[in-house]
Amino acid sequence: MHFGPWYQLQTEVQEIGISEDGITVYTWDNCVEWIDDSGRDTTWQFVRAATVITPIFGVVFTCFICCTPCLDEVVAKMWKGMAMCFLIVVTLFQGLTFLIFRSNACDANRVVGNVGNDLRNLTNSSFVFYDDECEWDEGSSSNVVAVVCYFLTGLIMLAMGVPKSSDDGEDEAPPAKEDPAAEEGGDKPEEQAEEAPVEDADKEEGDNAAEEGVEES
């Protein structure tokens, strides 16, 4: 049988074949909820609570991270707290779901016991169809992957820090470089403008001297 904290893969007997080779039981599986008299203990109830808390925290924090470009200031204030929640809280609650191996779901499951008794009565045998202990299943492997992913997410968030917005780079424009050649070129016209009156004065003196020389002659 395959089952988890909330559902079970129920095995139902379709047909029983009796031949010279022995007894053949034909069954089919159906995923259904646990019945109320399955004998849930405190550990089982806690595992159920952990399976609810973990995805709530995981989905909410993941949505906040996806909205970082729009809510950069809000996310920046909550970044370290969310990273610690991924690293400790979410990882812890995801790992605590393994306590189902210590609950009545595995140790004293009434449903499993009833199915085994029905099969023994139908086959009129003392064969043990289901063991009393739980074994590792595909859901347990997925649980390990989830624990590792949540833990690594928290570490990466702490290591990388708050992502910077693209607007920060646009606001801080690099200072303009001063061009020495442009400065020198800008000074030259001023020097020429200052020297121009001196040359004009020299020309006037030369013209006056020439006129005086003509008059004397």
N, C-alpha and C. Protein backbone atom coordinates (compact mmCIF):
# COMPACT_ATOMS: atom_id res chain seq x y z
N MET A 1 0.83 -1.20 0.00
CA MET A 1 0.00 0.00 0.00
C MET A 1 0.87 1.24 0.00
N HIS A 2 0.38 2.28 -0.65
CA HIS A 2 1.06 3.57 -0.70
C HIS A 2 0.16 4.60 -0.04
N PHE A 3 0.73 5.39 0.85
CA PHE A 3 -0.10 6.40 1.52
C PHE A 3 0.77 7.52 2.05
N GLY A 4 0.10 8.63 2.40
CA GLY A 4 0.77 9.78 2.98
C GLY A 4 -0.05 10.31 4.14
N PRO A 5 0.25 11.53 4.60
CA PRO A 5 -0.48 12.07 5.75
C PRO A 5 -1.97 12.28 5.48
N TRP A 6 -2.34 12.55 4.23
CA TRP A 6 -3.72 12.91 3.93
C TRP A 6 -4.46 11.85 3.11
N TYR A 7 -3.76 11.18 2.23
CA TYR A 7 -4.42 10.24 1.32
C TYR A 7 -3.74 8.89 1.38
N GLN A 8 -4.48 7.90 0.92
CA GLN A 8 -3.96 6.55 0.81
C GLN A 8 -4.32 5.98 -0.54
N LEU A 9 -3.45 5.16 -1.04
CA LEU A 9 -3.73 4.45 -2.28
C LEU A 9 -4.38 3.13 -1.88
N GLN A 10 -5.69 3.15 -1.84
CA GLN A 10 -6.44 2.01 -1.30
C GLN A 10 -6.47 0.88 -2.31
N THR A 11 -6.22 -0.31 -1.82
CA THR A 11 -6.25 -1.50 -2.65
C THR A 11 -7.57 -2.23 -2.43
N GLU A 12 -8.29 -2.45 -3.49
CA GLU A 12 -9.57 -3.14 -3.40
C GLU A 12 -9.51 -4.44 -4.20
N VAL A 13 -10.12 -5.45 -3.64
CA VAL A 13 -10.11 -6.77 -4.27
C VAL A 13 -11.18 -6.84 -5.34
N GLN A 14 -10.79 -7.19 -6.55
CA GLN A 14 -11.74 -7.34 -7.64
C GLN A 14 -12.20 -8.79 -7.81
N GLU A 15 -11.23 -9.66 -7.75
CA GLU A 15 -11.55 -11.06 -8.03
C GLU A 15 -10.51 -11.95 -7.37
N ILE A 16 -10.93 -13.11 -6.98
CA ILE A 16 -10.03 -14.10 -6.40
C ILE A 16 -10.12 -15.36 -7.25
N GLY A 17 -8.98 -15.77 -7.78
CA GLY A 17 -8.95 -16.96 -8.62
C GLY A 17 -8.27 -18.11 -7.90
N ILE A 18 -8.90 -19.26 -7.92
CA ILE A 18 -8.36 -20.46 -7.28
C ILE A 18 -8.09 -21.49 -8.36
N SER A 19 -6.88 -21.97 -8.40
CA SER A 19 -6.49 -22.97 -9.39
C SER A 19 -5.57 -23.99 -8.74
N GLU A 20 -5.10 -24.92 -9.56
CA GLU A 20 -4.18 -25.93 -9.04
C GLU A 20 -2.86 -25.32 -8.61
N ASP A 21 -2.49 -24.21 -9.25
CA ASP A 21 -1.22 -23.57 -8.90
C ASP A 21 -1.32 -22.77 -7.61
N GLY A 22 -2.51 -22.46 -7.17
CA GLY A 22 -2.66 -21.69 -5.94
C GLY A 22 -3.79 -20.69 -6.07
N ILE A 23 -3.73 -19.67 -5.22
CA ILE A 23 -4.77 -18.65 -5.16
C ILE A 23 -4.22 -17.36 -5.76
N THR A 24 -4.98 -16.78 -6.66
CA THR A 24 -4.60 -15.51 -7.29
C THR A 24 -5.62 -14.44 -6.92
N VAL A 25 -5.12 -13.34 -6.37
CA VAL A 25 -5.99 -12.24 -5.95
C VAL A 25 -5.78 -11.07 -6.92
N TYR A 26 -6.84 -10.64 -7.58
CA TYR A 26 -6.79 -9.51 -8.50
C TYR A 26 -7.30 -8.26 -7.78
N THR A 27 -6.47 -7.23 -7.75
CA THR A 27 -6.82 -6.01 -7.02
C THR A 27 -6.64 -4.79 -7.93
N TRP A 28 -7.17 -3.65 -7.48
CA TRP A 28 -6.93 -2.39 -8.16
C TRP A 28 -6.78 -1.31 -7.11
N ASP A 29 -6.04 -0.25 -7.44
CA ASP A 29 -5.71 0.81 -6.48
C ASP A 29 -6.54 2.05 -6.75
N ASN A 30 -6.92 2.72 -5.67
CA ASN A 30 -7.72 3.94 -5.76
C ASN A 30 -7.25 4.90 -4.68
N CYS A 31 -6.93 6.15 -5.06
CA CYS A 31 -6.44 7.14 -4.10
C CYS A 31 -7.63 7.79 -3.40
N VAL A 32 -7.73 7.59 -2.09
CA VAL A 32 -8.85 8.12 -1.31
C VAL A 32 -8.31 8.75 -0.02
N GLU A 33 -9.16 9.53 0.64
CA GLU A 33 -8.78 10.13 1.91
C GLU A 33 -8.83 9.08 3.02
N TRP A 34 -8.05 9.38 4.06
CA TRP A 34 -8.09 8.50 5.22
C TRP A 34 -9.46 8.59 5.88
N ILE A 35 -9.96 7.45 6.35
CA ILE A 35 -11.22 7.44 7.08
C ILE A 35 -10.99 7.93 8.50
N ASP A 36 -12.05 8.34 9.18
CA ASP A 36 -11.93 8.96 10.50
C ASP A 36 -11.41 7.99 11.56
N ASP A 37 -11.68 6.71 11.41
CA ASP A 37 -11.27 5.75 12.44
C ASP A 37 -9.94 5.08 12.10
N SER A 38 -9.08 5.83 11.39
CA SER A 38 -7.78 5.26 11.01
C SER A 38 -6.78 5.28 12.15
N GLY A 39 -7.16 5.87 13.30
CA GLY A 39 -6.28 5.85 14.47
C GLY A 39 -5.19 6.89 14.43
N ARG A 40 -5.52 8.11 14.00
CA ARG A 40 -4.51 9.17 13.93
C ARG A 40 -4.11 9.60 15.34
N ASP A 41 -2.82 9.61 15.60
CA ASP A 41 -2.30 10.06 16.89
C ASP A 41 -1.79 11.49 16.77
N THR A 42 -1.16 12.00 17.86
CA THR A 42 -0.68 13.39 17.87
C THR A 42 0.41 13.62 16.83
N THR A 43 1.30 12.66 16.69
CA THR A 43 2.39 12.80 15.71
C THR A 43 1.84 12.90 14.29
N TRP A 44 0.86 12.09 14.01
CA TRP A 44 0.23 12.12 12.68
C TRP A 44 -0.43 13.47 12.44
N GLN A 45 -1.11 14.00 13.42
CA GLN A 45 -1.75 15.31 13.29
C GLN A 45 -0.71 16.42 13.09
N PHE A 46 0.41 16.31 13.80
CA PHE A 46 1.47 17.31 13.65
C PHE A 46 2.06 17.27 12.24
N VAL A 47 2.24 16.08 11.70
CA VAL A 47 2.75 15.95 10.34
C VAL A 47 1.79 16.60 9.34
N ARG A 48 0.50 16.43 9.57
CA ARG A 48 -0.48 17.09 8.70
C ARG A 48 -0.35 18.61 8.77
N ALA A 49 -0.18 19.12 9.98
CA ALA A 49 -0.02 20.57 10.14
C ALA A 49 1.23 21.06 9.42
N ALA A 50 2.32 20.29 9.50
CA ALA A 50 3.56 20.68 8.83
C ALA A 50 3.40 20.71 7.32
N THR A 51 2.60 19.78 6.78
CA THR A 51 2.39 19.76 5.33
C THR A 51 1.55 20.95 4.86
N VAL A 52 0.85 21.62 5.77
CA VAL A 52 0.09 22.82 5.41
C VAL A 52 0.94 24.07 5.57
N ILE A 53 1.69 24.14 6.67
CA ILE A 53 2.50 25.34 6.96
C ILE A 53 3.60 25.51 5.92
N THR A 54 4.26 24.43 5.56
CA THR A 54 5.41 24.53 4.66
C THR A 54 5.06 25.14 3.30
N PRO A 55 4.05 24.65 2.59
CA PRO A 55 3.75 25.28 1.28
C PRO A 55 3.25 26.70 1.39
N ILE A 56 2.57 27.04 2.50
CA ILE A 56 2.09 28.42 2.66
C ILE A 56 3.27 29.37 2.73
N PHE A 57 4.24 29.09 3.61
CA PHE A 57 5.43 29.93 3.70
C PHE A 57 6.19 29.93 2.38
N GLY A 58 6.36 28.76 1.79
CA GLY A 58 7.13 28.68 0.55
C GLY A 58 6.52 29.48 -0.58
N VAL A 59 5.20 29.38 -0.75
CA VAL A 59 4.54 30.10 -1.85
C VAL A 59 4.55 31.61 -1.61
N VAL A 60 4.27 32.03 -0.37
CA VAL A 60 4.23 33.47 -0.06
C VAL A 60 5.59 34.11 -0.28
N PHE A 61 6.65 33.51 0.24
CA PHE A 61 7.98 34.08 0.09
C PHE A 61 8.45 34.05 -1.36
N THR A 62 8.10 33.00 -2.07
CA THR A 62 8.47 32.93 -3.48
C THR A 62 7.79 34.03 -4.29
N CYS A 63 6.53 34.33 -3.97
CA CYS A 63 5.82 35.42 -4.65
C CYS A 63 6.48 36.76 -4.36
N PHE A 64 6.93 36.97 -3.11
CA PHE A 64 7.62 38.21 -2.77
C PHE A 64 8.90 38.34 -3.58
N ILE A 65 9.65 37.26 -3.72
CA ILE A 65 10.90 37.30 -4.47
C ILE A 65 10.62 37.61 -5.95
N CYS A 66 9.56 37.04 -6.50
CA CYS A 66 9.22 37.31 -7.90
C CYS A 66 8.79 38.76 -8.11
N CYS A 67 8.27 39.39 -7.06
CA CYS A 67 7.81 40.78 -7.17
C CYS A 67 8.90 41.78 -6.79
N THR A 68 10.14 41.34 -6.66
CA THR A 68 11.23 42.23 -6.27
C THR A 68 11.37 43.44 -7.19
N PRO A 69 11.27 43.31 -8.53
CA PRO A 69 11.41 44.51 -9.38
C PRO A 69 10.34 45.56 -9.12
N CYS A 70 9.17 45.15 -8.65
CA CYS A 70 8.08 46.11 -8.42
C CYS A 70 8.04 46.60 -6.97
N LEU A 71 8.49 45.77 -6.05
CA LEU A 71 8.45 46.11 -4.62
C LEU A 71 9.84 46.04 -4.03
N ASP A 72 10.80 46.67 -4.71
CA ASP A 72 12.19 46.53 -4.30
C ASP A 72 12.45 47.05 -2.89
N GLU A 73 11.83 48.17 -2.51
CA GLU A 73 12.07 48.72 -1.18
C GLU A 73 11.47 47.83 -0.10
N VAL A 74 10.27 47.31 -0.34
CA VAL A 74 9.62 46.43 0.65
C VAL A 74 10.39 45.13 0.78
N VAL A 75 10.75 44.54 -0.35
CA VAL A 75 11.47 43.26 -0.32
C VAL A 75 12.85 43.43 0.30
N ALA A 76 13.49 44.57 0.07
CA ALA A 76 14.82 44.81 0.63
C ALA A 76 14.79 44.77 2.15
N LYS A 77 13.72 45.31 2.75
CA LYS A 77 13.61 45.29 4.22
C LYS A 77 13.35 43.89 4.75
N MET A 78 12.68 43.05 3.96
CA MET A 78 12.30 41.71 4.40
C MET A 78 13.25 40.64 3.89
N TRP A 79 14.26 41.02 3.13
CA TRP A 79 15.10 40.03 2.45
C TRP A 79 15.79 39.08 3.42
N LYS A 80 16.45 39.62 4.41
CA LYS A 80 17.19 38.77 5.35
C LYS A 80 16.24 37.89 6.14
N GLY A 81 15.09 38.44 6.55
CA GLY A 81 14.12 37.63 7.28
C GLY A 81 13.58 36.48 6.45
N MET A 82 13.29 36.75 5.18
CA MET A 82 12.81 35.68 4.30
C MET A 82 13.89 34.62 4.08
N ALA A 83 15.12 35.07 3.96
CA ALA A 83 16.21 34.11 3.78
C ALA A 83 16.34 33.19 4.98
N MET A 84 16.23 33.74 6.19
CA MET A 84 16.31 32.92 7.40
C MET A 84 15.12 31.98 7.51
N CYS A 85 13.94 32.42 7.06
CA CYS A 85 12.77 31.53 7.08
C CYS A 85 12.96 30.36 6.13
N PHE A 86 13.49 30.63 4.93
CA PHE A 86 13.78 29.54 4.01
C PHE A 86 14.83 28.60 4.60
N LEU A 87 15.83 29.19 5.23
CA LEU A 87 16.96 28.41 5.73
C LEU A 87 16.58 27.56 6.94
N ILE A 88 15.72 28.08 7.81
CA ILE A 88 15.43 27.40 9.08
C ILE A 88 13.98 26.92 9.15
N VAL A 89 13.03 27.85 9.08
CA VAL A 89 11.63 27.52 9.36
C VAL A 89 11.06 26.56 8.31
N VAL A 90 11.11 26.96 7.04
CA VAL A 90 10.51 26.13 5.99
C VAL A 90 11.24 24.80 5.87
N THR A 91 12.56 24.84 5.94
CA THR A 91 13.33 23.59 5.86
C THR A 91 13.00 22.67 7.02
N LEU A 92 12.85 23.24 8.23
CA LEU A 92 12.55 22.44 9.41
C LEU A 92 11.18 21.76 9.30
N PHE A 93 10.17 22.53 8.93
CA PHE A 93 8.83 21.96 8.84
C PHE A 93 8.73 20.93 7.72
N GLN A 94 9.45 21.17 6.64
CA GLN A 94 9.45 20.17 5.56
C GLN A 94 10.10 18.88 6.03
N GLY A 95 11.17 18.99 6.80
CA GLY A 95 11.83 17.80 7.31
C GLY A 95 11.03 17.07 8.37
N LEU A 96 10.22 17.81 9.14
CA LEU A 96 9.43 17.18 10.20
C LEU A 96 8.33 16.28 9.65
N THR A 97 8.03 16.39 8.37
CA THR A 97 7.03 15.49 7.81
C THR A 97 7.50 14.03 7.82
N PHE A 98 8.81 13.81 7.98
CA PHE A 98 9.31 12.44 8.08
C PHE A 98 8.89 11.76 9.38
N LEU A 99 8.33 12.54 10.32
CA LEU A 99 7.84 11.94 11.56
C LEU A 99 6.67 10.99 11.32
N ILE A 100 6.14 10.99 10.12
CA ILE A 100 5.06 10.05 9.84
C ILE A 100 5.51 8.61 10.00
N PHE A 101 6.82 8.38 9.86
CA PHE A 101 7.35 7.02 10.07
C PHE A 101 7.25 6.60 11.52
N ARG A 102 7.11 7.59 12.44
CA ARG A 102 6.99 7.30 13.87
C ARG A 102 5.56 7.43 14.37
N SER A 103 4.62 7.58 13.49
CA SER A 103 3.22 7.76 13.88
C SER A 103 2.45 6.46 13.69
N ASN A 104 1.16 6.53 14.05
CA ASN A 104 0.30 5.36 13.88
C ASN A 104 0.06 5.02 12.41
N ALA A 105 0.39 5.95 11.52
CA ALA A 105 0.24 5.64 10.10
C ALA A 105 1.11 4.46 9.70
N CYS A 106 2.22 4.28 10.39
CA CYS A 106 3.13 3.18 10.08
C CYS A 106 3.14 2.10 11.16
N ASP A 107 3.01 2.52 12.42
CA ASP A 107 3.15 1.56 13.52
C ASP A 107 1.87 0.77 13.79
N ALA A 108 0.72 1.43 13.75
CA ALA A 108 -0.54 0.75 14.10
C ALA A 108 -1.66 1.29 13.23
N ASN A 109 -1.52 1.13 11.94
CA ASN A 109 -2.51 1.63 11.00
C ASN A 109 -3.69 0.65 10.93
N ARG A 110 -4.85 1.13 11.37
CA ARG A 110 -6.02 0.26 11.41
C ARG A 110 -6.50 -0.12 10.02
N VAL A 111 -6.39 0.82 9.09
CA VAL A 111 -6.85 0.55 7.73
C VAL A 111 -6.02 -0.56 7.09
N VAL A 112 -4.71 -0.47 7.25
CA VAL A 112 -3.83 -1.50 6.69
C VAL A 112 -4.12 -2.84 7.34
N GLY A 113 -4.34 -2.80 8.66
CA GLY A 113 -4.65 -4.05 9.36
C GLY A 113 -5.96 -4.66 8.90
N ASN A 114 -6.98 -3.82 8.68
CA ASN A 114 -8.28 -4.33 8.22
C ASN A 114 -8.19 -4.92 6.82
N VAL A 115 -7.43 -4.26 5.94
CA VAL A 115 -7.27 -4.78 4.58
C VAL A 115 -6.57 -6.13 4.61
N GLY A 116 -5.54 -6.22 5.44
CA GLY A 116 -4.83 -7.49 5.56
C GLY A 116 -5.72 -8.60 6.10
N ASN A 117 -6.56 -8.27 7.08
CA ASN A 117 -7.47 -9.28 7.64
C ASN A 117 -8.50 -9.73 6.61
N ASP A 118 -9.02 -8.76 5.83
CA ASP A 118 -9.99 -9.12 4.80
C ASP A 118 -9.38 -10.05 3.76
N LEU A 119 -8.16 -9.75 3.38
CA LEU A 119 -7.51 -10.61 2.39
C LEU A 119 -7.25 -12.00 2.95
N ARG A 120 -6.89 -12.09 4.20
CA ARG A 120 -6.66 -13.41 4.81
C ARG A 120 -7.97 -14.19 4.92
N ASN A 121 -9.05 -13.48 5.24
CA ASN A 121 -10.34 -14.17 5.34
C ASN A 121 -10.83 -14.64 3.97
N LEU A 122 -10.62 -13.80 2.96
CA LEU A 122 -11.07 -14.18 1.62
C LEU A 122 -10.27 -15.35 1.06
N THR A 123 -9.00 -15.37 1.36
CA THR A 123 -8.14 -16.44 0.84
C THR A 123 -8.04 -17.62 1.79
N ASN A 124 -8.63 -17.45 2.99
CA ASN A 124 -8.59 -18.52 4.00
C ASN A 124 -7.16 -18.98 4.26
N SER A 125 -6.30 -17.99 4.47
CA SER A 125 -4.89 -18.28 4.71
C SER A 125 -4.37 -17.37 5.82
N SER A 126 -3.19 -17.67 6.28
CA SER A 126 -2.54 -16.86 7.32
C SER A 126 -1.40 -16.02 6.75
N PHE A 127 -1.41 -15.82 5.45
CA PHE A 127 -0.33 -15.08 4.80
C PHE A 127 -0.40 -13.60 5.21
N VAL A 128 0.77 -13.02 5.49
CA VAL A 128 0.86 -11.61 5.87
C VAL A 128 1.03 -10.79 4.58
N PHE A 129 -0.04 -10.10 4.19
CA PHE A 129 -0.01 -9.35 2.94
C PHE A 129 0.77 -8.04 3.07
N TYR A 130 0.70 -7.40 4.23
CA TYR A 130 1.35 -6.10 4.45
C TYR A 130 2.12 -6.14 5.76
N ASP A 131 3.35 -5.60 5.71
CA ASP A 131 4.16 -5.51 6.92
C ASP A 131 3.65 -4.38 7.80
N ASP A 132 4.04 -4.43 9.07
CA ASP A 132 3.63 -3.39 10.02
C ASP A 132 4.47 -2.13 9.90
N GLU A 133 5.61 -2.20 9.23
CA GLU A 133 6.51 -1.05 9.11
C GLU A 133 6.39 -0.41 7.73
N CYS A 134 6.65 0.90 7.70
CA CYS A 134 6.61 1.64 6.43
C CYS A 134 7.96 1.55 5.73
N GLU A 135 7.93 1.65 4.44
CA GLU A 135 9.14 1.65 3.63
C GLU A 135 9.26 2.95 2.86
N TRP A 136 10.47 3.21 2.38
CA TRP A 136 10.75 4.43 1.61
C TRP A 136 10.00 4.37 0.29
N ASP A 137 9.31 5.47 -0.05
CA ASP A 137 8.53 5.52 -1.28
C ASP A 137 8.92 6.75 -2.09
N GLU A 138 8.28 6.95 -3.22
CA GLU A 138 8.59 8.09 -4.09
C GLU A 138 8.32 9.41 -3.39
N GLY A 139 7.29 9.47 -2.57
CA GLY A 139 6.99 10.70 -1.85
C GLY A 139 8.10 11.10 -0.89
N SER A 140 8.75 10.12 -0.28
CA SER A 140 9.86 10.41 0.63
C SER A 140 11.05 10.99 -0.13
N SER A 141 11.30 10.48 -1.32
CA SER A 141 12.39 11.03 -2.14
C SER A 141 12.09 12.47 -2.53
N SER A 142 10.86 12.75 -2.89
CA SER A 142 10.47 14.13 -3.22
C SER A 142 10.60 15.03 -2.01
N ASN A 143 10.34 14.49 -0.84
CA ASN A 143 10.46 15.26 0.39
C ASN A 143 11.91 15.67 0.64
N VAL A 144 12.83 14.77 0.39
CA VAL A 144 14.26 15.09 0.56
C VAL A 144 14.68 16.18 -0.41
N VAL A 145 14.22 16.10 -1.65
CA VAL A 145 14.55 17.13 -2.64
C VAL A 145 14.02 18.49 -2.20
N ALA A 146 12.81 18.51 -1.65
CA ALA A 146 12.23 19.78 -1.18
C ALA A 146 13.03 20.37 -0.03
N VAL A 147 13.47 19.54 0.91
CA VAL A 147 14.28 20.02 2.03
C VAL A 147 15.57 20.65 1.53
N VAL A 148 16.25 19.98 0.62
CA VAL A 148 17.52 20.49 0.09
C VAL A 148 17.30 21.80 -0.67
N CYS A 149 16.25 21.88 -1.46
CA CYS A 149 15.99 23.09 -2.25
C CYS A 149 15.68 24.29 -1.35
N TYR A 150 14.87 24.08 -0.32
CA TYR A 150 14.56 25.18 0.60
C TYR A 150 15.82 25.66 1.32
N PHE A 151 16.66 24.73 1.74
CA PHE A 151 17.89 25.09 2.45
C PHE A 151 18.83 25.87 1.54
N LEU A 152 19.02 25.39 0.32
CA LEU A 152 19.91 26.09 -0.62
C LEU A 152 19.36 27.46 -0.99
N THR A 153 18.05 27.59 -1.06
CA THR A 153 17.45 28.89 -1.37
C THR A 153 17.81 29.92 -0.31
N GLY A 154 17.71 29.52 0.96
CA GLY A 154 18.09 30.43 2.04
C GLY A 154 19.55 30.82 2.00
N LEU A 155 20.42 29.85 1.73
CA LEU A 155 21.86 30.15 1.65
C LEU A 155 22.17 31.10 0.50
N ILE A 156 21.58 30.86 -0.65
CA ILE A 156 21.84 31.72 -1.81
C ILE A 156 21.34 33.14 -1.56
N MET A 157 20.18 33.27 -0.92
CA MET A 157 19.65 34.61 -0.63
C MET A 157 20.57 35.38 0.30
N LEU A 158 21.12 34.70 1.32
CA LEU A 158 22.04 35.37 2.24
C LEU A 158 23.36 35.71 1.55
N ALA A 159 23.83 34.82 0.69
CA ALA A 159 25.12 35.04 0.03
C ALA A 159 25.05 36.15 -1.02
N MET A 160 23.99 36.17 -1.80
CA MET A 160 23.87 37.14 -2.90
C MET A 160 23.38 38.50 -2.43
N GLY A 161 22.59 38.54 -1.37
CA GLY A 161 22.06 39.81 -0.90
C GLY A 161 20.88 40.29 -1.72
N VAL A 162 20.41 41.48 -1.40
CA VAL A 162 19.24 42.04 -2.08
C VAL A 162 19.62 42.40 -3.51
N PRO A 163 18.86 41.96 -4.51
CA PRO A 163 19.18 42.34 -5.90
C PRO A 163 18.99 43.83 -6.12
N LYS A 164 19.90 44.43 -6.87
CA LYS A 164 19.83 45.87 -7.15
C LYS A 164 18.90 46.14 -8.31
N SER A 165 18.17 47.22 -8.20
CA SER A 165 17.24 47.60 -9.26
C SER A 165 18.00 48.17 -10.44
N SER A 166 17.46 48.01 -11.64
CA SER A 166 18.11 48.55 -12.84
C SER A 166 18.06 50.07 -12.88
N ASP A 167 17.15 50.70 -12.13
CA ASP A 167 17.06 52.15 -12.11
C ASP A 167 18.24 52.80 -11.40
N ASP A 168 18.88 52.04 -10.48
CA ASP A 168 20.01 52.60 -9.75
C ASP A 168 21.15 52.95 -10.68
N GLY A 169 21.39 52.11 -11.68
CA GLY A 169 22.48 52.39 -12.61
C GLY A 169 22.18 53.55 -13.53
N GLU A 170 20.89 53.77 -13.85
CA GLU A 170 20.53 54.88 -14.72
C GLU A 170 20.61 56.21 -13.98
N ASP A 171 20.27 56.23 -12.68
CA ASP A 171 20.29 57.48 -11.92
C ASP A 171 21.70 57.98 -11.69
N GLU A 172 22.64 57.09 -11.46
CA GLU A 172 24.01 57.48 -11.17
C GLU A 172 24.80 57.52 -12.48
N ALA A 173 24.75 58.64 -13.19
CA ALA A 173 25.48 58.78 -14.46
C ALA A 173 26.94 59.11 -14.16
N PRO A 174 27.89 58.58 -14.93
CA PRO A 174 29.30 58.86 -14.68
C PRO A 174 29.62 60.32 -14.97
N PRO A 175 30.54 60.93 -14.20
CA PRO A 175 30.89 62.34 -14.41
C PRO A 175 31.55 62.55 -15.77
N ALA A 176 31.27 63.70 -16.39
CA ALA A 176 31.83 64.00 -17.71
C ALA A 176 33.32 64.29 -17.59
N LYS A 177 34.11 63.76 -18.53
CA LYS A 177 35.55 63.96 -18.52
C LYS A 177 35.88 65.31 -19.16
N GLU A 178 36.85 66.01 -18.58
CA GLU A 178 37.27 67.30 -19.12
C GLU A 178 38.27 67.08 -20.25
N ASP A 179 38.08 67.79 -21.33
CA ASP A 179 38.95 67.65 -22.50
C ASP A 179 39.99 68.77 -22.49
N PRO A 180 41.28 68.42 -22.24
CA PRO A 180 42.32 69.47 -22.21
C PRO A 180 42.42 70.22 -23.53
N ALA A 181 42.25 69.50 -24.64
CA ALA A 181 42.38 70.17 -25.94
C ALA A 181 41.28 71.19 -26.13
N ALA A 182 40.09 70.86 -25.63
CA ALA A 182 38.97 71.80 -25.78
C ALA A 182 39.22 73.05 -24.96
N GLU A 183 39.81 72.85 -23.74
CA GLU A 183 40.10 74.02 -22.90
C GLU A 183 41.14 74.92 -23.56
N GLU A 184 42.22 74.30 -24.14
CA GLU A 184 43.25 75.11 -24.79
C GLU A 184 42.68 75.84 -26.00
N GLY A 185 41.83 75.10 -26.75
CA GLY A 185 41.24 75.73 -27.92
C GLY A 185 40.32 76.87 -27.55
N GLY A 186 39.71 76.78 -26.39
CA GLY A 186 38.82 77.85 -25.97
C GLY A 186 39.57 79.07 -25.50
N ASP A 187 40.84 78.90 -25.05
CA ASP A 187 41.61 80.03 -24.55
C ASP A 187 42.25 80.83 -25.69
N LYS A 188 42.53 80.16 -26.79
CA LYS A 188 43.25 80.82 -27.87
C LYS A 188 42.51 82.02 -28.44
N PRO A 189 41.22 81.91 -28.71
CA PRO A 189 40.54 83.10 -29.25
C PRO A 189 40.60 84.28 -28.31
N GLU A 190 40.58 84.02 -26.98
CA GLU A 190 40.66 85.12 -26.03
C GLU A 190 42.01 85.80 -26.12
N GLU A 191 43.10 84.98 -26.25
CA GLU A 191 44.44 85.57 -26.35
C GLU A 191 44.56 86.40 -27.62
N GLN A 192 43.99 85.82 -28.71
CA GLN A 192 44.06 86.57 -29.97
C GLN A 192 43.25 87.85 -29.88
N ALA A 193 42.11 87.75 -29.16
CA ALA A 193 41.28 88.95 -29.03
C ALA A 193 41.98 90.01 -28.21
N GLU A 194 42.76 89.56 -27.20
CA GLU A 194 43.49 90.52 -26.37
C GLU A 194 44.66 91.13 -27.14
N GLU A 195 45.34 90.35 -28.00
CA GLU A 195 46.50 90.85 -28.72
C GLU A 195 46.11 91.73 -29.92
N ALA A 196 44.90 91.57 -30.38
CA ALA A 196 44.49 92.33 -31.57
C ALA A 196 44.58 93.82 -31.37
N PRO A 197 44.16 94.44 -30.27
CA PRO A 197 44.29 95.89 -30.11
C PRO A 197 45.72 96.37 -30.13
N VAL A 198 46.67 95.55 -29.65
CA VAL A 198 48.08 95.95 -29.65
C VAL A 198 48.58 96.09 -31.08
N GLU A 199 48.23 95.11 -31.93
CA GLU A 199 48.67 95.18 -33.32
C GLU A 199 48.08 96.41 -34.03
N ASP A 200 46.81 96.70 -33.72
CA ASP A 200 46.17 97.87 -34.34
C ASP A 200 46.87 99.16 -33.92
N ALA A 201 47.29 99.21 -32.64
CA ALA A 201 47.99 100.42 -32.16
C ALA A 201 49.32 100.58 -32.87
N ASP A 202 50.04 99.48 -33.09
CA ASP A 202 51.33 99.55 -33.79
C ASP A 202 51.13 100.05 -35.23
N LYS A 203 50.06 99.57 -35.86
CA LYS A 203 49.81 100.02 -37.23
C LYS A 203 49.52 101.51 -37.28
N GLU A 204 48.76 102.01 -36.30
CA GLU A 204 48.44 103.43 -36.27
C GLU A 204 49.71 104.27 -36.08
N GLU A 205 50.62 103.82 -35.18
CA GLU A 205 51.87 104.55 -34.97
C GLU A 205 52.71 104.57 -36.25
N GLY A 206 52.73 103.42 -36.95
CA GLY A 206 53.51 103.37 -38.19
C GLY A 206 52.94 104.30 -39.25
N ASP A 207 51.61 104.36 -39.32
CA ASP A 207 50.99 105.25 -40.30
C ASP A 207 51.28 106.71 -39.98
N ASN A 208 51.23 107.05 -38.69
CA ASN A 208 51.50 108.43 -38.27
C ASN A 208 52.94 108.82 -38.60
N ALA A 209 53.87 107.88 -38.32
CA ALA A 209 55.28 108.17 -38.61
C ALA A 209 55.49 108.38 -40.11
N ALA A 210 54.81 107.60 -40.92
CA ALA A 210 54.96 107.74 -42.37
C ALA A 210 54.43 109.08 -42.85
N GLU A 211 53.31 109.53 -42.27
CA GLU A 211 52.75 110.81 -42.66
C GLU A 211 53.68 111.96 -42.27
N GLU A 212 54.29 111.87 -41.06
CA GLU A 212 55.22 112.90 -40.63
C GLU A 212 56.44 112.96 -41.58
N GLY A 213 56.92 111.80 -41.99
CA GLY A 213 58.07 111.77 -42.90
C GLY A 213 57.74 112.41 -44.24
N VAL A 214 56.54 112.23 -44.70
CA VAL A 214 56.14 112.83 -45.97
C VAL A 214 56.07 114.33 -45.85
N GLU A 215 55.52 114.83 -44.74
CA GLU A 215 55.39 116.27 -44.54
C GLU A 215 56.78 116.92 -44.45
N GLU A 216 57.72 116.30 -43.73
CA GLU A 216 59.06 116.88 -43.58
C GLU A 216 59.77 116.94 -44.94
N SER A 217 59.57 115.95 -45.74
CA SER A 217 60.23 115.95 -47.03
C SER A 217 59.61 117.01 -47.96
